Amino acid sequence: MTGALTGVVILLVLALVVTAWYAVAARRSAGHEPGRPDHISDEVTSGLMTELRKWQAEAAHWKSTAERLQRELDQR
């Protein structure tokens, strides 16, 4: 009987933990809709766009360097 009682208690504790976890998640996500950006999405997008601009500028620099070197080789 003690083993069955222990099993029931463990099952109830697990159910309580899952219910509490769900309640916390539901409370934290209140006001958020899927597909609608929030302040974190804006920060991430802004950071990614900044990095993209840096990479594009660097790519343009190396492309112009390669073109310049190719012109110098062609003049020889």
Protein backbone atom coordinates (compact mmCIF):
# COMPACT_ATOMS: atom_id res chain seq x y z
CA MET A 1 0.00 0.00 0.00
CA THR A 2 2.88 2.38 0.71
CA GLY A 3 4.23 2.03 -2.85
CA ALA A 4 0.83 2.90 -4.34
CA LEU A 5 0.49 5.88 -2.03
CA THR A 6 3.95 7.11 -2.99
CA GLY A 7 3.06 6.75 -6.68
CA VAL A 8 -0.13 8.77 -6.23
CA VAL A 9 1.73 11.51 -4.34
CA ILE A 10 4.41 11.71 -7.04
CA LEU A 11 1.72 11.87 -9.73
CA LEU A 12 -0.09 14.67 -7.88
CA VAL A 13 3.15 16.62 -7.40
CA LEU A 14 3.98 16.29 -11.10
CA ALA A 15 0.47 17.44 -12.06
CA LEU A 16 0.83 20.43 -9.72
CA VAL A 17 4.23 21.35 -11.19
CA VAL A 18 2.91 21.14 -14.77
CA THR A 19 -0.16 23.20 -13.87
CA ALA A 20 1.97 25.87 -12.17
CA TRP A 21 4.35 25.95 -15.12
CA TYR A 22 1.42 26.41 -17.51
CA ALA A 23 -0.05 29.21 -15.37
CA VAL A 24 3.27 31.07 -15.28
CA ALA A 25 3.73 30.68 -19.05
CA ALA A 26 0.18 31.85 -19.72
CA ARG A 27 0.64 34.90 -17.51
CA ARG A 28 3.96 35.83 -19.14
CA SER A 29 2.56 35.48 -22.65
CA ALA A 30 -0.59 37.52 -21.98
CA GLY A 31 -0.83 40.27 -24.56
CA HIS A 32 1.51 38.53 -26.99
CA GLU A 33 0.09 37.30 -30.26
CA PRO A 34 1.88 34.95 -32.64
CA GLY A 35 3.38 36.85 -35.55
CA ARG A 36 3.11 40.24 -33.84
CA PRO A 37 6.53 41.73 -33.05
CA ASP A 38 7.33 42.76 -29.49
CA HIS A 39 10.16 44.82 -27.99
CA ILE A 40 12.57 41.87 -28.04
CA SER A 41 11.87 41.20 -31.73
CA ASP A 42 12.56 44.86 -32.50
CA GLU A 43 15.91 44.71 -30.68
CA VAL A 44 16.93 41.50 -32.43
CA THR A 45 15.88 42.83 -35.84
CA SER A 46 17.73 46.08 -35.26
CA GLY A 47 20.91 44.24 -34.27
CA LEU A 48 20.69 41.89 -37.23
CA MET A 49 20.16 44.75 -39.66
CA THR A 50 23.21 46.55 -38.23
CA GLU A 51 25.33 43.43 -38.70
CA LEU A 52 23.97 42.97 -42.21
CA ARG A 53 24.96 46.53 -43.13
CA LYS A 54 28.47 45.90 -41.75
CA TRP A 55 28.84 42.71 -43.77
CA GLN A 56 27.56 44.43 -46.92
CA ALA A 57 30.03 47.30 -46.45
CA GLU A 58 32.87 44.85 -45.94
CA ALA A 59 31.84 42.84 -49.01
CA ALA A 60 31.72 46.04 -51.08
CA HIS A 61 35.19 47.00 -49.81
CA TRP A 62 36.72 43.65 -50.74
CA LYS A 63 34.95 43.64 -54.11
CA SER A 64 36.36 47.08 -54.96
CA THR A 65 39.81 45.94 -53.77
CA ALA A 66 39.64 42.86 -55.99
CA GLU A 67 38.52 44.96 -58.97
CA ARG A 68 41.36 47.44 -58.38
CA LEU A 69 43.94 44.66 -58.17
CA GLN A 70 42.54 43.07 -61.31
CA ARG A 71 42.83 46.40 -63.19
CA GLU A 72 46.45 46.73 -62.00
CA LEU A 73 47.20 43.21 -63.26
CA ASP A 74 45.52 43.94 -66.60
CA GLN A 75 47.62 47.09 -67.11
CA ARG A 76 50.89 45.11 -66.80
